[in-house]
Each structure stands twice: as C-alpha cells, then as structure tokens.
Amino acid sequence: MDPIVTSFEPKTGPSIGGTQMIINGIGFTPRKDANGNADLKKNHMWIRFVDPDTFEVLAPQIKTEDLSEDQISWSTPPLPANTKALMQLSING
C-alpha cells in the first residue's frame, strides 16, 4: 500500500528553516522485518519542497528516519523569503 497523508502541521512557517513539521497519515513504514515489525533500517521517507508552478526543486531532498506507521517528524530547510512551495514525499527517493 502506498503511504497516505491525512494532515500536516504547521501549514506555513518562517523561511529561515528549522520549523518542526509533523505529518500524519498511514503506511509510512511499509517494510517489515522477519517478525512483522517495522524495519527501522529500511524504512525511510524523502521530503522536498518544489515550486508550485514549475516544479523546480527549491531545497535539497531530506531523508528522514524519524517515522512510524502513522507519523513523520522533521525540520524544514531554509528557503528564500516569501517562497510558496509544494511539499513532496517519497518512500523510494
């Protein structure tokens, strides 16, 4: 099953970066170990911001391992002031 995002906070933040983001949903840890538990060595999420019009990448992709089945936590990268961006998530980089 592909991950599904149900909500995230905050919706906006300062452009200097470092804002703690919490993303809620399901299916963030799809890989299981031999015992059926989330495989923490293989479960990763890549997050990046892109321009909403051109889809140009605005900040380097961030790999986070701070995730559970239903939540991801990470800090935003710095962006130019007054930047509008789309957040993209990927489980395969």
PDB file of N, CA and C in Angstrom:
ATOM      1  N   MET A   1       0.842  -1.182   0.000  1.00  0.00           N
ATOM      2  CA  MET A   1       0.000   0.000   0.000  1.00  0.00           C
ATOM      3  C   MET A   1       0.887   1.245   0.000  1.00  0.00           C
ATOM      4  N   ASP A   2       0.551   2.209  -0.826  1.00  0.00           N
ATOM      5  CA  ASP A   2       1.261   3.479  -0.830  1.00  0.00           C
ATOM      6  C   ASP A   2       0.878   4.294   0.398  1.00  0.00           C
ATOM      7  N   PRO A   3       1.824   5.090   0.935  1.00  0.00           N
ATOM      8  CA  PRO A   3       1.505   5.946   2.079  1.00  0.00           C
ATOM      9  C   PRO A   3       0.426   6.960   1.715  1.00  0.00           C
ATOM     10  N   ILE A   4      -0.374   7.325   2.708  1.00  0.00           N
ATOM     11  CA  ILE A   4      -1.428   8.325   2.538  1.00  0.00           C
ATOM     12  C   ILE A   4      -1.246   9.391   3.619  1.00  0.00           C
ATOM     13  N   VAL A   5      -1.154  10.668   3.207  1.00  0.00           N
ATOM     14  CA  VAL A   5      -1.063  11.784   4.148  1.00  0.00           C
ATOM     15  C   VAL A   5      -2.472  12.253   4.466  1.00  0.00           C
ATOM     16  N   THR A   6      -2.784  12.365   5.773  1.00  0.00           N
ATOM     17  CA  THR A   6      -4.105  12.849   6.187  1.00  0.00           C
ATOM     18  C   THR A   6      -4.053  14.284   6.695  1.00  0.00           C
ATOM     19  N   SER A   7      -2.911  14.701   7.239  1.00  0.00           N
ATOM     20  CA  SER A   7      -2.770  16.080   7.723  1.00  0.00           C
ATOM     21  C   SER A   7      -1.306  16.382   7.977  1.00  0.00           C
ATOM     22  N   PHE A   8      -0.988  17.677   8.060  1.00  0.00           N
ATOM     23  CA  PHE A   8       0.357  18.085   8.454  1.00  0.00           C
ATOM     24  C   PHE A   8       0.270  19.454   9.104  1.00  0.00           C
ATOM     25  N   GLU A   9       1.189  19.697  10.022  1.00  0.00           N
ATOM     26  CA  GLU A   9       1.256  20.959  10.758  1.00  0.00           C
ATOM     27  C   GLU A   9       2.702  21.346  10.934  1.00  0.00           C
ATOM     28  N   PRO A  10       3.031  22.601  10.891  1.00  0.00           N
ATOM     29  CA  PRO A  10       2.176  23.733  10.538  1.00  0.00           C
ATOM     30  C   PRO A  10       2.042  23.847   9.017  1.00  0.00           C
ATOM     31  N   LYS A  11       1.063  24.594   8.572  1.00  0.00           N
ATOM     32  CA  LYS A  11       0.818  24.798   7.137  1.00  0.00           C
ATOM     33  C   LYS A  11       1.784  25.825   6.552  1.00  0.00           C
ATOM     34  N   THR A  12       2.288  26.722   7.381  1.00  0.00           N
ATOM     35  CA  THR A  12       3.255  27.726   6.958  1.00  0.00           C
ATOM     36  C   THR A  12       4.303  27.882   8.055  1.00  0.00           C
ATOM     37  N   GLY A  13       5.407  28.533   7.701  1.00  0.00           N
ATOM     38  CA  GLY A  13       6.452  28.753   8.686  1.00  0.00           C
ATOM     39  C   GLY A  13       7.463  29.744   8.179  1.00  0.00           C
ATOM     40  N   PRO A  14       8.403  30.120   9.021  1.00  0.00           N
ATOM     41  CA  PRO A  14       9.422  31.080   8.611  1.00  0.00           C
ATOM     42  C   PRO A  14      10.351  30.479   7.560  1.00  0.00           C
ATOM     43  N   SER A  15      10.858  31.315   6.687  1.00  0.00           N
ATOM     44  CA  SER A  15      11.720  30.833   5.601  1.00  0.00           C
ATOM     45  C   SER A  15      13.132  30.477   6.070  1.00  0.00           C
ATOM     46  N   ILE A  16      13.485  30.811   7.299  1.00  0.00           N
ATOM     47  CA  ILE A  16      14.841  30.517   7.780  1.00  0.00           C
ATOM     48  C   ILE A  16      15.062  29.022   8.014  1.00  0.00           C
ATOM     49  N   GLY A  17      13.985  28.233   7.985  1.00  0.00           N
ATOM     50  CA  GLY A  17      14.095  26.795   8.191  1.00  0.00           C
ATOM     51  C   GLY A  17      14.098  26.435   9.662  1.00  0.00           C
ATOM     52  N   GLY A  18      14.172  25.150   9.935  1.00  0.00           N
ATOM     53  CA  GLY A  18      14.206  24.667  11.310  1.00  0.00           C
ATOM     54  C   GLY A  18      12.844  24.507  11.954  1.00  0.00           C
ATOM     55  N   THR A  19      11.762  24.722  11.200  1.00  0.00           N
ATOM     56  CA  THR A  19      10.417  24.537  11.749  1.00  0.00           C
ATOM     57  C   THR A  19      10.132  23.045  11.871  1.00  0.00           C
ATOM     58  N   GLN A  20       9.715  22.611  13.043  1.00  0.00           N
ATOM     59  CA  GLN A  20       9.396  21.201  13.261  1.00  0.00           C
ATOM     60  C   GLN A  20       8.061  20.878  12.590  1.00  0.00           C
ATOM     61  N   MET A  21       8.082  19.969  11.619  1.00  0.00           N
ATOM     62  CA  MET A  21       6.888  19.543  10.890  1.00  0.00           C
ATOM     63  C   MET A  21       6.447  18.178  11.409  1.00  0.00           C
ATOM     64  N   ILE A  22       5.141  18.008  11.520  1.00  0.00           N
ATOM     65  CA  ILE A  22       4.553  16.718  11.855  1.00  0.00           C
ATOM     66  C   ILE A  22       3.585  16.369  10.733  1.00  0.00           C
ATOM     67  N   ILE A  23       3.791  15.227  10.105  1.00  0.00           N
ATOM     68  CA  ILE A  23       2.928  14.755   9.032  1.00  0.00           C
ATOM     69  C   ILE A  23       2.234  13.492   9.528  1.00  0.00           C
ATOM     70  N   ASN A  24       0.913  13.480   9.468  1.00  0.00           N
ATOM     71  CA  ASN A  24       0.126  12.329   9.911  1.00  0.00           C
ATOM     72  C   ASN A  24      -0.467  11.605   8.714  1.00  0.00           C
ATOM     73  N   GLY A  25      -0.666  10.315   8.838  1.00  0.00           N
ATOM     74  CA  GLY A  25      -1.261   9.524   7.779  1.00  0.00           C
ATOM     75  C   GLY A  25      -1.163   8.049   8.098  1.00  0.00           C
ATOM     76  N   ILE A  26      -1.087   7.234   7.047  1.00  0.00           N
ATOM     77  CA  ILE A  26      -0.941   5.789   7.235  1.00  0.00           C
ATOM     78  C   ILE A  26       0.044   5.240   6.208  1.00  0.00           C
ATOM     79  N   GLY A  27       0.662   4.130   6.551  1.00  0.00           N
ATOM     80  CA  GLY A  27       1.535   3.434   5.624  1.00  0.00           C
ATOM     81  C   GLY A  27       2.925   4.014   5.467  1.00  0.00           C
ATOM     82  N   PHE A  28       3.423   4.739   6.466  1.00  0.00           N
ATOM     83  CA  PHE A  28       4.750   5.344   6.353  1.00  0.00           C
ATOM     84  C   PHE A  28       5.874   4.343   6.581  1.00  0.00           C
ATOM     85  N   THR A  29       5.598   3.203   7.186  1.00  0.00           N
ATOM     86  CA  THR A  29       6.622   2.180   7.414  1.00  0.00           C
ATOM     87  C   THR A  29       6.168   0.865   6.772  1.00  0.00           C
ATOM     88  N   PRO A  30       6.184   0.812   5.443  1.00  0.00           N
ATOM     89  CA  PRO A  30       5.668  -0.382   4.762  1.00  0.00           C
ATOM     90  C   PRO A  30       6.567  -1.609   4.846  1.00  0.00           C
ATOM     91  N   ARG A  31       7.847  -1.418   5.087  1.00  0.00           N
ATOM     92  CA  ARG A  31       8.758  -2.563   5.111  1.00  0.00           C
ATOM     93  C   ARG A  31       8.771  -3.192   6.500  1.00  0.00           C
ATOM     94  N   LYS A  32       8.607  -4.496   6.539  1.00  0.00           N
ATOM     95  CA  LYS A  32       8.559  -5.231   7.801  1.00  0.00           C
ATOM     96  C   LYS A  32       9.746  -6.176   7.897  1.00  0.00           C
ATOM     97  N   ASP A  33      10.200  -6.429   9.143  1.00  0.00           N
ATOM     98  CA  ASP A  33      11.270  -7.398   9.347  1.00  0.00           C
ATOM     99  C   ASP A  33      10.665  -8.804   9.419  1.00  0.00           C
ATOM    100  N   ALA A  34      11.480  -9.796   9.718  1.00  0.00           N
ATOM    101  CA  ALA A  34      11.020 -11.189   9.747  1.00  0.00           C
ATOM    102  C   ALA A  34       9.937 -11.427  10.792  1.00  0.00           C
ATOM    103  N   ASN A  35       9.872 -10.580  11.829  1.00  0.00           N
ATOM    104  CA  ASN A  35       8.870 -10.728  12.881  1.00  0.00           C
ATOM    105  C   ASN A  35       7.607  -9.914  12.613  1.00  0.00           C
ATOM    106  N   GLY A  36       7.546  -9.225  11.466  1.00  0.00           N
ATOM    107  CA  GLY A  36       6.361  -8.434  11.131  1.00  0.00           C
ATOM    108  C   GLY A  36       6.375  -7.029  11.709  1.00  0.00           C
ATOM    109  N   ASN A  37       7.506  -6.623  12.306  1.00  0.00           N
ATOM    110  CA  ASN A  37       7.625  -5.275  12.857  1.00  0.00           C
ATOM    111  C   ASN A  37       8.231  -4.343  11.808  1.00  0.00           C
ATOM    112  N   ALA A  38       7.993  -3.047  11.954  1.00  0.00           N
ATOM    113  CA  ALA A  38       8.577  -2.069  11.039  1.00  0.00           C
ATOM    114  C   ALA A  38      10.097  -2.233  11.020  1.00  0.00           C
ATOM    115  N   ASP A  39      10.678  -2.329   9.834  1.00  0.00           N
ATOM    116  CA  ASP A  39      12.128  -2.485   9.685  1.00  0.00           C
ATOM    117  C   ASP A  39      12.771  -1.104   9.687  1.00  0.00           C
ATOM    118  N   LEU A  40      13.247  -0.669  10.844  1.00  0.00           N
ATOM    119  CA  LEU A  40      13.787   0.675  11.010  1.00  0.00           C
ATOM    120  C   LEU A  40      15.023   0.921  10.160  1.00  0.00           C
ATOM    121  N   LYS A  41      15.733  -0.126   9.740  1.00  0.00           N
ATOM    122  CA  LYS A  41      16.909   0.042   8.889  1.00  0.00           C
ATOM    123  C   LYS A  41      16.535   0.294   7.434  1.00  0.00           C
ATOM    124  N   LYS A  42      15.339  -0.074   7.026  1.00  0.00           N
ATOM    125  CA  LYS A  42      14.932   0.059   5.629  1.00  0.00           C
ATOM    126  C   LYS A  42      13.839   1.097   5.405  1.00  0.00           C
ATOM    127  N   ASN A  43      13.159   1.533   6.450  1.00  0.00           N
ATOM    128  CA  ASN A  43      12.077   2.488   6.293  1.00  0.00           C
ATOM    129  C   ASN A  43      12.608   3.908   6.359  1.00  0.00           C
ATOM    130  N   HIS A  44      12.498   4.605   5.240  1.00  0.00           N
ATOM    131  CA  HIS A  44      12.944   5.983   5.129  1.00  0.00           C
ATOM    132  C   HIS A  44      11.908   6.773   4.343  1.00  0.00           C
ATOM    133  N   MET A  45      11.864   8.069   4.569  1.00  0.00           N
ATOM    134  CA  MET A  45      10.988   8.955   3.801  1.00  0.00           C
ATOM    135  C   MET A  45      11.855  10.101   3.312  1.00  0.00           C
ATOM    136  N   TRP A  46      11.734  10.446   2.046  1.00  0.00           N
ATOM    137  CA  TRP A  46      12.434  11.583   1.481  1.00  0.00           C
ATOM    138  C   TRP A  46      11.415  12.694   1.290  1.00  0.00           C
ATOM    139  N   ILE A  47      11.791  13.915   1.686  1.00  0.00           N
ATOM    140  CA  ILE A  47      10.889  15.065   1.646  1.00  0.00           C
ATOM    141  C   ILE A  47      11.611  16.212   0.947  1.00  0.00           C
ATOM    142  N   ARG A  48      10.899  16.929   0.082  1.00  0.00           N
ATOM    143  CA  ARG A  48      11.487  18.101  -0.561  1.00  0.00           C
ATOM    144  C   ARG A  48      10.391  19.113  -0.863  1.00  0.00           C
ATOM    145  N   PHE A  49      10.819  20.361  -1.089  1.00  0.00           N
ATOM    146  CA  PHE A  49       9.908  21.424  -1.498  1.00  0.00           C
ATOM    147  C   PHE A  49      10.183  21.773  -2.953  1.00  0.00           C
ATOM    148  N   VAL A  50       9.103  21.978  -3.731  1.00  0.00           N
ATOM    149  CA  VAL A  50       9.222  22.359  -5.142  1.00  0.00           C
ATOM    150  C   VAL A  50       8.353  23.582  -5.421  1.00  0.00           C
ATOM    151  N   ASP A  51       8.725  24.327  -6.468  1.00  0.00           N
ATOM    152  CA  ASP A  51       7.945  25.476  -6.914  1.00  0.00           C
ATOM    153  C   ASP A  51       6.592  24.962  -7.424  1.00  0.00           C
ATOM    154  N   PRO A  52       5.461  25.553  -6.986  1.00  0.00           N
ATOM    155  CA  PRO A  52       4.151  25.051  -7.393  1.00  0.00           C
ATOM    156  C   PRO A  52       3.835  25.246  -8.879  1.00  0.00           C
ATOM    157  N   ASP A  53       4.534  26.130  -9.555  1.00  0.00           N
ATOM    158  CA  ASP A  53       4.272  26.378 -10.980  1.00  0.00           C
ATOM    159  C   ASP A  53       5.208  25.600 -11.902  1.00  0.00           C
ATOM    160  N   THR A  54       6.493  25.565 -11.554  1.00  0.00           N
ATOM    161  CA  THR A  54       7.492  24.944 -12.435  1.00  0.00           C
ATOM    162  C   THR A  54       7.952  23.571 -11.947  1.00  0.00           C
ATOM    163  N   PHE A  55       7.642  23.232 -10.702  1.00  0.00           N
ATOM    164  CA  PHE A  55       8.087  22.002 -10.048  1.00  0.00           C
ATOM    165  C   PHE A  55       9.600  21.917  -9.903  1.00  0.00           C
ATOM    166  N   GLU A  56      10.263  23.074 -10.031  1.00  0.00           N
ATOM    167  CA  GLU A  56      11.700  23.151  -9.784  1.00  0.00           C
ATOM    168  C   GLU A  56      11.942  22.878  -8.298  1.00  0.00           C
ATOM    169  N   VAL A  57      12.960  22.080  -8.009  1.00  0.00           N
ATOM    170  CA  VAL A  57      13.295  21.767  -6.624  1.00  0.00           C
ATOM    171  C   VAL A  57      13.870  23.014  -5.966  1.00  0.00           C
ATOM    172  N   LEU A  58      13.287  23.425  -4.831  1.00  0.00           N
ATOM    173  CA  LEU A  58      13.701  24.645  -4.132  1.00  0.00           C
ATOM    174  C   LEU A  58      14.677  24.375  -2.999  1.00  0.00           C
ATOM    175  N   ALA A  59      14.686  23.161  -2.498  1.00  0.00           N
ATOM    176  CA  ALA A  59      15.577  22.811  -1.388  1.00  0.00           C
ATOM    177  C   ALA A  59      16.021  21.365  -1.572  1.00  0.00           C
ATOM    178  N   PRO A  60      17.211  21.031  -1.118  1.00  0.00           N
ATOM    179  CA  PRO A  60      17.672  19.646  -1.250  1.00  0.00           C
ATOM    180  C   PRO A  60      16.702  18.678  -0.583  1.00  0.00           C
ATOM    181  N   GLN A  61      16.649  17.502  -1.132  1.00  0.00           N
ATOM    182  CA  GLN A  61      15.806  16.459  -0.574  1.00  0.00           C
ATOM    183  C   GLN A  61      16.348  16.054   0.797  1.00  0.00           C
ATOM    184  N   ILE A  62      15.459  15.863   1.746  1.00  0.00           N
ATOM    185  CA  ILE A  62      15.842  15.487   3.107  1.00  0.00           C
ATOM    186  C   ILE A  62      15.397  14.057   3.343  1.00  0.00           C
ATOM    187  N   LYS A  63      16.303  13.238   3.840  1.00  0.00           N
ATOM    188  CA  LYS A  63      15.956  11.863   4.197  1.00  0.00           C
ATOM    189  C   LYS A  63      15.665  11.829   5.686  1.00  0.00           C
ATOM    190  N   THR A  64      14.502  11.308   6.048  1.00  0.00           N
ATOM    191  CA  THR A  64      14.172  11.216   7.469  1.00  0.00           C
ATOM    192  C   THR A  64      13.942   9.767   7.848  1.00  0.00           C
ATOM    193  N   GLU A  65      14.433   9.410   9.010  1.00  0.00           N
ATOM    194  CA  GLU A  65      14.193   8.087   9.566  1.00  0.00           C
ATOM    195  C   GLU A  65      13.310   8.191  10.808  1.00  0.00           C
ATOM    196  N   ASP A  66      12.895   9.419  11.149  1.00  0.00           N
ATOM    197  CA  ASP A  66      12.061   9.639  12.324  1.00  0.00           C
ATOM    198  C   ASP A  66      10.596   9.491  11.914  1.00  0.00           C
ATOM    199  N   LEU A  67      10.187   8.224  11.704  1.00  0.00           N
ATOM    200  CA  LEU A  67       8.820   7.982  11.288  1.00  0.00           C
ATOM    201  C   LEU A  67       8.286   6.719  11.919  1.00  0.00           C
ATOM    202  N   SER A  68       6.978   6.665  12.005  1.00  0.00           N
ATOM    203  CA  SER A  68       6.280   5.483  12.487  1.00  0.00           C
ATOM    204  C   SER A  68       5.234   5.130  11.433  1.00  0.00           C
ATOM    205  N   GLU A  69       4.403   4.172  11.698  1.00  0.00           N
ATOM    206  CA  GLU A  69       3.359   3.769  10.742  1.00  0.00           C
ATOM    207  C   GLU A  69       2.459   4.940  10.359  1.00  0.00           C
ATOM    208  N   ASP A  70       2.236   5.864  11.319  1.00  0.00           N
ATOM    209  CA  ASP A  70       1.248   6.922  11.053  1.00  0.00           C
ATOM    210  C   ASP A  70       1.753   8.350  11.258  1.00  0.00           C
ATOM    211  N   GLN A  71       3.077   8.552  11.452  1.00  0.00           N
ATOM    212  CA  GLN A  71       3.563   9.915  11.664  1.00  0.00           C
ATOM    213  C   GLN A  71       5.034  10.068  11.250  1.00  0.00           C
ATOM    214  N   ILE A  72       5.328  11.243  10.667  1.00  0.00           N
ATOM    215  CA  ILE A  72       6.688  11.623  10.301  1.00  0.00           C
ATOM    216  C   ILE A  72       6.998  12.937  11.007  1.00  0.00           C
ATOM    217  N   SER A  73       8.209  13.074  11.506  1.00  0.00           N
ATOM    218  CA  SER A  73       8.645  14.310  12.147  1.00  0.00           C
ATOM    219  C   SER A  73       9.964  14.734  11.507  1.00  0.00           C
ATOM    220  N   TRP A  74      10.080  16.029  11.151  1.00  0.00           N
ATOM    221  CA  TRP A  74      11.315  16.523  10.547  1.00  0.00           C
ATOM    222  C   TRP A  74      11.348  18.037  10.641  1.00  0.00           C
ATOM    223  N   SER A  75      12.497  18.617  10.357  1.00  0.00           N
ATOM    224  CA  SER A  75      12.662  20.075  10.386  1.00  0.00           C
ATOM    225  C   SER A  75      12.823  20.597   8.962  1.00  0.00           C
ATOM    226  N   THR A  76      12.183  21.720   8.678  1.00  0.00           N
ATOM    227  CA  THR A  76      12.212  22.284   7.332  1.00  0.00           C
ATOM    228  C   THR A  76      13.579  22.882   7.007  1.00  0.00           C
ATOM    229  N   PRO A  77      13.937  22.874   5.718  1.00  0.00           N
ATOM    230  CA  PRO A  77      15.175  23.517   5.281  1.00  0.00           C
ATOM    231  C   PRO A  77      14.944  25.012   5.081  1.00  0.00           C
ATOM    232  N   PRO A  78      16.001  25.815   5.022  1.00  0.00           N
ATOM    233  CA  PRO A  78      15.823  27.241   4.730  1.00  0.00           C
ATOM    234  C   PRO A  78      15.435  27.437   3.259  1.00  0.00           C
ATOM    235  N   LEU A  79      14.582  28.429   3.009  1.00  0.00           N
ATOM    236  CA  LEU A  79      14.152  28.811   1.664  1.00  0.00           C
ATOM    237  C   LEU A  79      14.201  30.322   1.546  1.00  0.00           C
ATOM    238  N   PRO A  80      14.218  30.864   0.331  1.00  0.00           N
ATOM    239  CA  PRO A  80      14.171  32.323   0.181  1.00  0.00           C
ATOM    240  C   PRO A  80      12.890  32.893   0.800  1.00  0.00           C
ATOM    241  N   ALA A  81      12.956  34.141   1.277  1.00  0.00           N
ATOM    242  CA  ALA A  81      11.802  34.795   1.904  1.00  0.00           C
ATOM    243  C   ALA A  81      10.608  34.807   0.959  1.00  0.00           C
ATOM    244  N   ASN A  82       9.403  34.659   1.521  1.00  0.00           N
ATOM    245  CA  ASN A  82       8.123  34.704   0.800  1.00  0.00           C
ATOM    246  C   ASN A  82       7.980  33.636  -0.277  1.00  0.00           C
ATOM    247  N   THR A  83       8.647  32.518  -0.110  1.00  0.00           N
ATOM    248  CA  THR A  83       8.563  31.427  -1.073  1.00  0.00           C
ATOM    249  C   THR A  83       7.284  30.627  -0.853  1.00  0.00           C
ATOM    250  N   LYS A  84       6.575  30.362  -1.922  1.00  0.00           N
ATOM    251  CA  LYS A  84       5.432  29.436  -1.888  1.00  0.00           C
ATOM    252  C   LYS A  84       5.953  28.118  -2.466  1.00  0.00           C
ATOM    253  N   ALA A  85       5.661  27.009  -1.798  1.00  0.00           N
ATOM    254  CA  ALA A  85       6.222  25.735  -2.224  1.00  0.00           C
ATOM    255  C   ALA A  85       5.245  24.599  -1.973  1.00  0.00           C
ATOM    256  N   LEU A  86       5.382  23.545  -2.768  1.00  0.00           N
ATOM    257  CA  LEU A  86       4.679  22.295  -2.544  1.00  0.00           C
ATOM    258  C   LEU A  86       5.628  21.341  -1.845  1.00  0.00           C
ATOM    259  N   MET A  87       5.112  20.571  -0.914  1.00  0.00           N
ATOM    260  CA  MET A  87       5.905  19.569  -0.225  1.00  0.00           C
ATOM    261  C   MET A  87       5.664  18.238  -0.924  1.00  0.00           C
ATOM    262  N   GLN A  88       6.746  17.548  -1.293  1.00  0.00           N
ATOM    263  CA  GLN A  88       6.643  16.236  -1.911  1.00  0.00           C
ATOM    264  C   GLN A  88       7.274  15.202  -0.997  1.00  0.00           C
ATOM    265  N   LEU A  89       6.618  14.037  -0.884  1.00  0.00           N
ATOM    266  CA  LEU A  89       7.106  12.938  -0.068  1.00  0.00           C
ATOM    267  C   LEU A  89       7.357  11.737  -0.963  1.00  0.00           C
ATOM    268  N   SER A  90       8.370  10.943  -0.618  1.00  0.00           N
ATOM    269  CA  SER A  90       8.669   9.742  -1.380  1.00  0.00           C
ATOM    270  C   SER A  90       9.220   8.671  -0.433  1.00  0.00           C
ATOM    271  N   ILE A  91       8.832   7.414  -0.662  1.00  0.00           N
ATOM    272  CA  ILE A  91       9.406   6.328   0.138  1.00  0.00           C
ATOM    273  C   ILE A  91      10.536   5.638  -0.617  1.00  0.00           C
ATOM    274  N   ASN A  92      10.810   6.044  -1.858  1.00  0.00           N
ATOM    275  CA  ASN A  92      11.865   5.387  -2.629  1.00  0.00           C
ATOM    276  C   ASN A  92      12.901   6.364  -3.167  1.00  0.00           C
ATOM    277  N   GLY A  93      12.902   7.589  -2.667  1.00  0.00           N
ATOM    278  CA  GLY A  93      13.893   8.571  -3.062  1.00  0.00           C
ATOM    279  C   GLY A  93      13.681   9.125  -4.442  1.00  0.00           C
TER     280      GLY A  93
END
